[in-house]
Each structure stands twice: as C-alpha cells, then as structure tokens.
C-alpha cells in the first residue's frame, strides 16, 4: 500500500505489477511474500511484504519523476560503492593484504541502508 501511495498508483495496479514481473520463481519466493489485509469496508484484499531487492526490481519498471529519482540514486550509489571497492582493492595490493570481505560487506550494507532511507 505504501508503494501505491508513494508512486501515485492504485493498490490493485501494484498487485498486478508484482504478479506480472518476469523474475525467476526463486527471486519471487525470496522477495515477495503474499499476505492479506482488511480494507475500511472489511473486505479481505491481497498485499505483499517486499524486500529491498523486490522493491528495487519492481520500481525499476516504473516511470515518472520519483521513479527516475530512485533509478538515478541507485546508479549513483552503485557507482560510489564500486569505486570504494576498487580503491580498497588497490590499497590492498599496495599493502599486500588479501582479506577484504568484511570491508566489502560493510560497504554493501551502507549503500543498502541509503536506498531504504532515501525514499
């Protein structure tokens, strides 16, 4: 329901969009959990619990100003993360270190939190 509000869509259209996504069954199962809610009139209607990855996959297909802002932010932050990883890798080569896993996971977490908080 929040996606419908933010992107100016009807709730039933968002449900339709999720059902029509061309992602794999595995991705769907991991990122979209079907549930129900009761509207103001007491009708039971479908809703989805969506992960951040599911949200990204869904709204990457949307158009409009807000969707464009999200896509630009996603690209900008992905490039920022890539650059940080590349710099860390170059620094490791200079220092002769081999273990950077914790640093990369931290960067990925930082960028992921930014995506959620930027909406």
N, C-alpha and C. Protein backbone atom coordinates (compact mmCIF):
# COMPACT_ATOMS: atom_id res chain seq x y z
N UNK A 1 0.83 -1.18 0.00
CA UNK A 1 0.00 0.00 0.00
C UNK A 1 0.87 1.25 0.00
N UNK A 2 2.01 1.17 0.64
CA UNK A 2 2.92 2.32 0.70
C UNK A 2 3.47 2.62 -0.69
N UNK A 3 3.81 1.59 -1.46
CA UNK A 3 4.32 1.81 -2.82
C UNK A 3 3.28 2.51 -3.66
N UNK A 4 2.04 2.09 -3.54
CA UNK A 4 0.95 2.73 -4.29
C UNK A 4 0.86 4.21 -3.93
N UNK A 5 0.94 4.52 -2.66
CA UNK A 5 0.87 5.91 -2.21
C UNK A 5 2.03 6.74 -2.76
N UNK A 6 3.23 6.23 -2.57
CA UNK A 6 4.43 6.98 -2.94
C UNK A 6 4.51 7.21 -4.45
N UNK A 7 4.16 6.20 -5.23
CA UNK A 7 4.29 6.30 -6.68
C UNK A 7 2.99 6.71 -7.38
N UNK A 8 1.95 7.06 -6.60
CA UNK A 8 0.71 7.54 -7.17
C UNK A 8 -0.02 6.51 -8.01
N UNK A 9 -0.02 5.27 -7.54
CA UNK A 9 -0.69 4.19 -8.25
C UNK A 9 -1.82 3.63 -7.40
N UNK A 10 -2.77 2.99 -8.04
CA UNK A 10 -3.79 2.27 -7.31
C UNK A 10 -3.20 0.99 -6.75
N UNK A 11 -3.62 0.62 -5.56
CA UNK A 11 -3.09 -0.58 -4.90
C UNK A 11 -3.25 -1.82 -5.78
N UNK A 12 -4.41 -1.96 -6.40
CA UNK A 12 -4.64 -3.16 -7.23
C UNK A 12 -3.71 -3.19 -8.44
N UNK A 13 -3.27 -2.02 -8.91
CA UNK A 13 -2.32 -1.98 -10.04
C UNK A 13 -0.92 -2.42 -9.59
N UNK A 14 -0.55 -2.06 -8.37
CA UNK A 14 0.74 -2.50 -7.83
C UNK A 14 0.73 -4.03 -7.67
N UNK A 15 -0.37 -4.57 -7.16
CA UNK A 15 -0.51 -6.02 -7.02
C UNK A 15 -0.36 -6.68 -8.40
N UNK A 16 -1.05 -6.11 -9.39
CA UNK A 16 -0.95 -6.63 -10.76
C UNK A 16 0.49 -6.56 -11.26
N UNK A 17 1.17 -5.44 -11.00
CA UNK A 17 2.56 -5.28 -11.45
C UNK A 17 3.46 -6.35 -10.84
N UNK A 18 3.25 -6.63 -9.57
CA UNK A 18 4.06 -7.66 -8.90
C UNK A 18 3.80 -9.02 -9.53
N UNK A 19 2.54 -9.34 -9.75
CA UNK A 19 2.20 -10.63 -10.35
C UNK A 19 2.75 -10.78 -11.76
N UNK A 20 2.92 -9.66 -12.47
CA UNK A 20 3.38 -9.70 -13.86
C UNK A 20 4.89 -9.54 -14.02
N UNK A 21 5.63 -9.46 -12.92
CA UNK A 21 7.09 -9.35 -13.03
C UNK A 21 7.67 -10.59 -13.69
N UNK A 22 8.69 -10.40 -14.50
CA UNK A 22 9.33 -11.52 -15.19
C UNK A 22 10.57 -12.03 -14.45
N UNK A 23 10.54 -11.99 -13.15
CA UNK A 23 11.68 -12.50 -12.39
C UNK A 23 11.48 -14.00 -12.14
N UNK A 24 12.55 -14.65 -11.75
CA UNK A 24 12.51 -16.10 -11.53
C UNK A 24 11.63 -16.45 -10.34
N UNK A 25 11.20 -17.70 -10.29
CA UNK A 25 10.41 -18.16 -9.14
C UNK A 25 11.22 -18.04 -7.86
N UNK A 26 12.52 -18.33 -7.96
CA UNK A 26 13.37 -18.23 -6.78
C UNK A 26 13.41 -16.79 -6.26
N UNK A 27 13.62 -15.83 -7.15
CA UNK A 27 13.66 -14.42 -6.76
C UNK A 27 12.32 -14.00 -6.16
N UNK A 28 11.24 -14.39 -6.82
CA UNK A 28 9.90 -14.07 -6.32
C UNK A 28 9.70 -14.62 -4.92
N UNK A 29 10.07 -15.88 -4.71
CA UNK A 29 9.89 -16.51 -3.41
C UNK A 29 10.69 -15.87 -2.31
N UNK A 30 11.87 -15.36 -2.66
CA UNK A 30 12.74 -14.73 -1.66
C UNK A 30 12.37 -13.29 -1.36
N UNK A 31 11.65 -12.63 -2.28
CA UNK A 31 11.48 -11.19 -2.17
C UNK A 31 10.04 -10.67 -2.13
N UNK A 32 9.06 -11.54 -2.39
CA UNK A 32 7.66 -11.13 -2.39
C UNK A 32 6.85 -12.16 -1.62
N UNK A 33 6.32 -11.76 -0.47
CA UNK A 33 5.51 -12.67 0.34
C UNK A 33 4.06 -12.20 0.32
N UNK A 34 3.20 -13.02 -0.28
CA UNK A 34 1.78 -12.68 -0.37
C UNK A 34 1.12 -12.79 0.99
N UNK A 35 0.29 -11.80 1.30
CA UNK A 35 -0.46 -11.77 2.55
C UNK A 35 -1.82 -11.14 2.25
N UNK A 36 -2.57 -10.83 3.28
CA UNK A 36 -3.88 -10.19 3.14
C UNK A 36 -4.04 -9.09 4.17
N UNK A 37 -4.97 -8.20 3.90
CA UNK A 37 -5.35 -7.17 4.86
C UNK A 37 -6.84 -6.90 4.67
N UNK A 38 -7.44 -6.23 5.63
CA UNK A 38 -8.85 -5.85 5.54
C UNK A 38 -8.94 -4.35 5.30
N UNK A 39 -9.68 -3.97 4.26
CA UNK A 39 -9.84 -2.55 3.97
C UNK A 39 -10.89 -1.93 4.89
N UNK A 40 -11.21 -0.67 4.65
CA UNK A 40 -12.15 0.06 5.50
C UNK A 40 -13.55 -0.56 5.52
N UNK A 41 -13.90 -1.26 4.43
CA UNK A 41 -15.23 -1.87 4.36
C UNK A 41 -15.24 -3.29 4.90
N UNK A 42 -14.06 -3.80 5.31
CA UNK A 42 -13.97 -5.14 5.85
C UNK A 42 -13.62 -6.22 4.84
N UNK A 43 -13.45 -5.81 3.57
CA UNK A 43 -13.07 -6.80 2.55
C UNK A 43 -11.64 -7.27 2.78
N UNK A 44 -11.41 -8.54 2.54
CA UNK A 44 -10.05 -9.08 2.62
C UNK A 44 -9.42 -8.95 1.23
N UNK A 45 -8.28 -8.26 1.18
CA UNK A 45 -7.60 -7.99 -0.08
C UNK A 45 -6.14 -8.42 0.01
N UNK A 46 -5.52 -8.69 -1.13
CA UNK A 46 -4.12 -9.12 -1.12
C UNK A 46 -3.16 -7.95 -0.90
N UNK A 47 -2.04 -8.27 -0.32
CA UNK A 47 -0.91 -7.34 -0.20
C UNK A 47 0.35 -8.19 -0.20
N UNK A 48 1.48 -7.57 -0.41
CA UNK A 48 2.75 -8.26 -0.39
C UNK A 48 3.69 -7.61 0.61
N UNK A 49 4.46 -8.45 1.29
CA UNK A 49 5.62 -7.99 2.03
C UNK A 49 6.77 -8.10 1.05
N UNK A 50 7.50 -7.02 0.89
CA UNK A 50 8.52 -6.95 -0.15
C UNK A 50 9.87 -6.59 0.46
N UNK A 51 10.90 -7.31 0.05
CA UNK A 51 12.26 -6.98 0.48
C UNK A 51 12.77 -5.77 -0.30
N UNK A 52 13.91 -5.27 0.11
CA UNK A 52 14.52 -4.15 -0.62
C UNK A 52 14.83 -4.55 -2.06
N UNK A 53 15.31 -5.77 -2.27
CA UNK A 53 15.61 -6.22 -3.63
C UNK A 53 14.33 -6.31 -4.47
N UNK A 54 13.28 -6.81 -3.86
CA UNK A 54 12.00 -6.87 -4.56
C UNK A 54 11.48 -5.49 -4.91
N UNK A 55 11.61 -4.57 -3.97
CA UNK A 55 11.21 -3.19 -4.21
C UNK A 55 11.98 -2.60 -5.39
N UNK A 56 13.28 -2.81 -5.39
CA UNK A 56 14.11 -2.27 -6.48
C UNK A 56 13.69 -2.87 -7.81
N UNK A 57 13.50 -4.18 -7.85
CA UNK A 57 13.11 -4.84 -9.09
C UNK A 57 11.78 -4.28 -9.59
N UNK A 58 10.84 -4.09 -8.70
CA UNK A 58 9.52 -3.59 -9.07
C UNK A 58 9.58 -2.16 -9.59
N UNK A 59 10.17 -1.26 -8.82
CA UNK A 59 10.11 0.16 -9.19
C UNK A 59 11.06 0.52 -10.33
N UNK A 60 12.02 -0.33 -10.63
CA UNK A 60 12.87 -0.07 -11.80
C UNK A 60 12.03 -0.09 -13.08
N UNK A 61 10.87 -0.72 -13.02
CA UNK A 61 9.98 -0.74 -14.17
C UNK A 61 8.98 0.41 -14.19
N UNK A 62 8.96 1.22 -13.16
CA UNK A 62 8.02 2.34 -13.10
C UNK A 62 8.60 3.56 -13.81
N UNK A 63 7.71 4.45 -14.20
CA UNK A 63 8.12 5.70 -14.84
C UNK A 63 7.64 6.86 -13.98
N UNK A 64 8.05 8.03 -14.34
CA UNK A 64 7.66 9.23 -13.60
C UNK A 64 8.85 9.81 -12.86
N UNK A 65 8.64 10.98 -12.31
CA UNK A 65 9.71 11.73 -11.67
C UNK A 65 10.33 10.98 -10.48
N UNK A 66 9.49 10.46 -9.59
CA UNK A 66 10.01 9.76 -8.42
C UNK A 66 10.76 8.48 -8.81
N UNK A 67 10.22 7.75 -9.77
CA UNK A 67 10.89 6.54 -10.24
C UNK A 67 12.24 6.89 -10.86
N UNK A 68 12.29 7.97 -11.61
CA UNK A 68 13.55 8.41 -12.22
C UNK A 68 14.56 8.80 -11.14
N UNK A 69 14.10 9.48 -10.10
CA UNK A 69 14.99 9.86 -8.99
C UNK A 69 15.55 8.62 -8.31
N UNK A 70 14.70 7.62 -8.11
CA UNK A 70 15.15 6.38 -7.48
C UNK A 70 16.22 5.71 -8.35
N UNK A 71 15.97 5.61 -9.65
CA UNK A 71 16.92 4.97 -10.57
C UNK A 71 18.25 5.71 -10.59
N UNK A 72 18.19 7.03 -10.64
CA UNK A 72 19.42 7.83 -10.62
C UNK A 72 20.20 7.60 -9.33
N UNK A 73 19.48 7.59 -8.21
CA UNK A 73 20.11 7.36 -6.91
C UNK A 73 20.76 5.98 -6.86
N UNK A 74 20.05 4.98 -7.37
CA UNK A 74 20.55 3.61 -7.38
C UNK A 74 21.84 3.54 -8.19
N UNK A 75 21.84 4.12 -9.37
CA UNK A 75 23.04 4.10 -10.23
C UNK A 75 24.18 4.85 -9.58
N UNK A 76 23.91 6.04 -9.05
CA UNK A 76 24.94 6.85 -8.41
C UNK A 76 25.57 6.10 -7.23
N UNK A 77 24.72 5.50 -6.40
CA UNK A 77 25.24 4.81 -5.22
C UNK A 77 25.93 3.50 -5.58
N UNK A 78 25.46 2.83 -6.60
CA UNK A 78 26.17 1.63 -7.06
C UNK A 78 27.57 2.01 -7.54
N UNK A 79 27.67 3.07 -8.31
CA UNK A 79 28.98 3.52 -8.80
C UNK A 79 29.87 3.96 -7.64
N UNK A 80 29.29 4.61 -6.65
CA UNK A 80 30.07 5.02 -5.46
C UNK A 80 30.62 3.79 -4.74
N UNK A 81 29.78 2.77 -4.59
CA UNK A 81 30.22 1.54 -3.93
C UNK A 81 31.31 0.86 -4.76
N UNK A 82 31.12 0.78 -6.07
CA UNK A 82 32.12 0.17 -6.94
C UNK A 82 33.46 0.89 -6.81
N UNK A 83 33.43 2.21 -6.79
CA UNK A 83 34.66 2.99 -6.67
C UNK A 83 35.35 2.74 -5.34
N UNK A 84 34.58 2.64 -4.25
CA UNK A 84 35.17 2.37 -2.94
C UNK A 84 35.80 0.98 -2.90
N UNK A 85 35.14 0.01 -3.49
CA UNK A 85 35.68 -1.34 -3.51
C UNK A 85 36.96 -1.36 -4.34
N UNK A 86 36.96 -0.65 -5.45
CA UNK A 86 38.14 -0.60 -6.30
C UNK A 86 39.31 0.06 -5.58
N UNK A 87 39.03 1.15 -4.87
CA UNK A 87 40.08 1.82 -4.10
C UNK A 87 40.62 0.91 -3.00
N UNK A 88 39.72 0.21 -2.32
CA UNK A 88 40.16 -0.72 -1.27
C UNK A 88 41.01 -1.82 -1.86
N UNK A 89 40.63 -2.31 -3.02
CA UNK A 89 41.39 -3.37 -3.67
C UNK A 89 42.79 -2.88 -4.06
N UNK A 90 42.86 -1.66 -4.58
CA UNK A 90 44.16 -1.09 -4.95
C UNK A 90 45.03 -0.88 -3.71
N UNK A 91 44.42 -0.44 -2.63
CA UNK A 91 45.17 -0.24 -1.39
C UNK A 91 45.68 -1.57 -0.85
N UNK A 92 44.88 -2.62 -0.96
CA UNK A 92 45.32 -3.94 -0.50
C UNK A 92 46.50 -4.43 -1.30
N UNK A 93 46.44 -4.22 -2.59
CA UNK A 93 47.56 -4.65 -3.44
C UNK A 93 48.85 -3.95 -3.01
N UNK A 94 48.73 -2.67 -2.68
CA UNK A 94 49.90 -1.92 -2.24
C UNK A 94 50.38 -2.41 -0.88
N UNK A 95 49.45 -2.78 -0.01
CA UNK A 95 49.81 -3.23 1.34
C UNK A 95 50.04 -4.73 1.42
N UNK A 96 49.70 -5.46 0.36
CA UNK A 96 49.90 -6.89 0.35
C UNK A 96 48.86 -7.67 1.14
N UNK A 97 47.72 -7.05 1.48
CA UNK A 97 46.68 -7.75 2.22
C UNK A 97 45.76 -8.50 1.26
N UNK A 98 45.17 -9.59 1.75
CA UNK A 98 44.29 -10.39 0.92
C UNK A 98 42.83 -10.43 1.41
N UNK A 99 42.58 -10.11 2.67
CA UNK A 99 41.24 -10.28 3.22
C UNK A 99 40.49 -8.96 3.27
N UNK A 100 39.53 -8.77 2.37
CA UNK A 100 38.74 -7.54 2.36
C UNK A 100 37.25 -7.82 2.50
N UNK A 101 36.87 -9.04 2.78
CA UNK A 101 35.46 -9.43 2.81
C UNK A 101 34.65 -8.56 3.76
N UNK A 102 35.11 -8.35 4.96
CA UNK A 102 34.35 -7.57 5.94
C UNK A 102 34.13 -6.14 5.45
N UNK A 103 35.15 -5.57 4.83
CA UNK A 103 35.04 -4.20 4.31
C UNK A 103 33.99 -4.12 3.20
N UNK A 104 33.98 -5.07 2.29
CA UNK A 104 33.01 -5.07 1.19
C UNK A 104 31.60 -5.23 1.73
N UNK A 105 31.41 -6.13 2.69
CA UNK A 105 30.08 -6.31 3.28
C UNK A 105 29.61 -5.04 3.96
N UNK A 106 30.51 -4.33 4.62
CA UNK A 106 30.15 -3.07 5.26
C UNK A 106 29.71 -2.05 4.23
N UNK A 107 30.44 -1.96 3.12
CA UNK A 107 30.07 -1.02 2.07
C UNK A 107 28.71 -1.36 1.49
N UNK A 108 28.47 -2.65 1.24
CA UNK A 108 27.19 -3.07 0.67
C UNK A 108 26.06 -2.74 1.63
N UNK A 109 26.28 -2.94 2.93
CA UNK A 109 25.26 -2.63 3.92
C UNK A 109 24.99 -1.13 3.95
N UNK A 110 26.07 -0.32 3.92
CA UNK A 110 25.90 1.13 3.93
C UNK A 110 25.07 1.60 2.75
N UNK A 111 25.36 1.10 1.57
CA UNK A 111 24.63 1.51 0.38
C UNK A 111 23.19 1.02 0.46
N UNK A 112 22.96 -0.21 0.92
CA UNK A 112 21.61 -0.73 1.06
C UNK A 112 20.77 0.11 2.01
N UNK A 113 21.35 0.52 3.12
CA UNK A 113 20.62 1.37 4.07
C UNK A 113 20.30 2.72 3.45
N UNK A 114 21.20 3.24 2.63
CA UNK A 114 20.94 4.51 1.98
C UNK A 114 19.73 4.43 1.08
N UNK A 115 19.61 3.34 0.31
CA UNK A 115 18.47 3.18 -0.61
C UNK A 115 17.17 3.25 0.15
N UNK A 116 17.09 2.53 1.25
CA UNK A 116 15.86 2.50 2.03
C UNK A 116 15.57 3.87 2.63
N UNK A 117 16.60 4.52 3.18
CA UNK A 117 16.36 5.79 3.85
C UNK A 117 16.12 6.92 2.86
N UNK A 118 16.54 6.77 1.62
CA UNK A 118 16.38 7.86 0.66
C UNK A 118 14.96 7.97 0.15
N UNK A 119 14.12 6.96 0.40
CA UNK A 119 12.73 7.02 -0.03
C UNK A 119 11.92 7.57 1.09
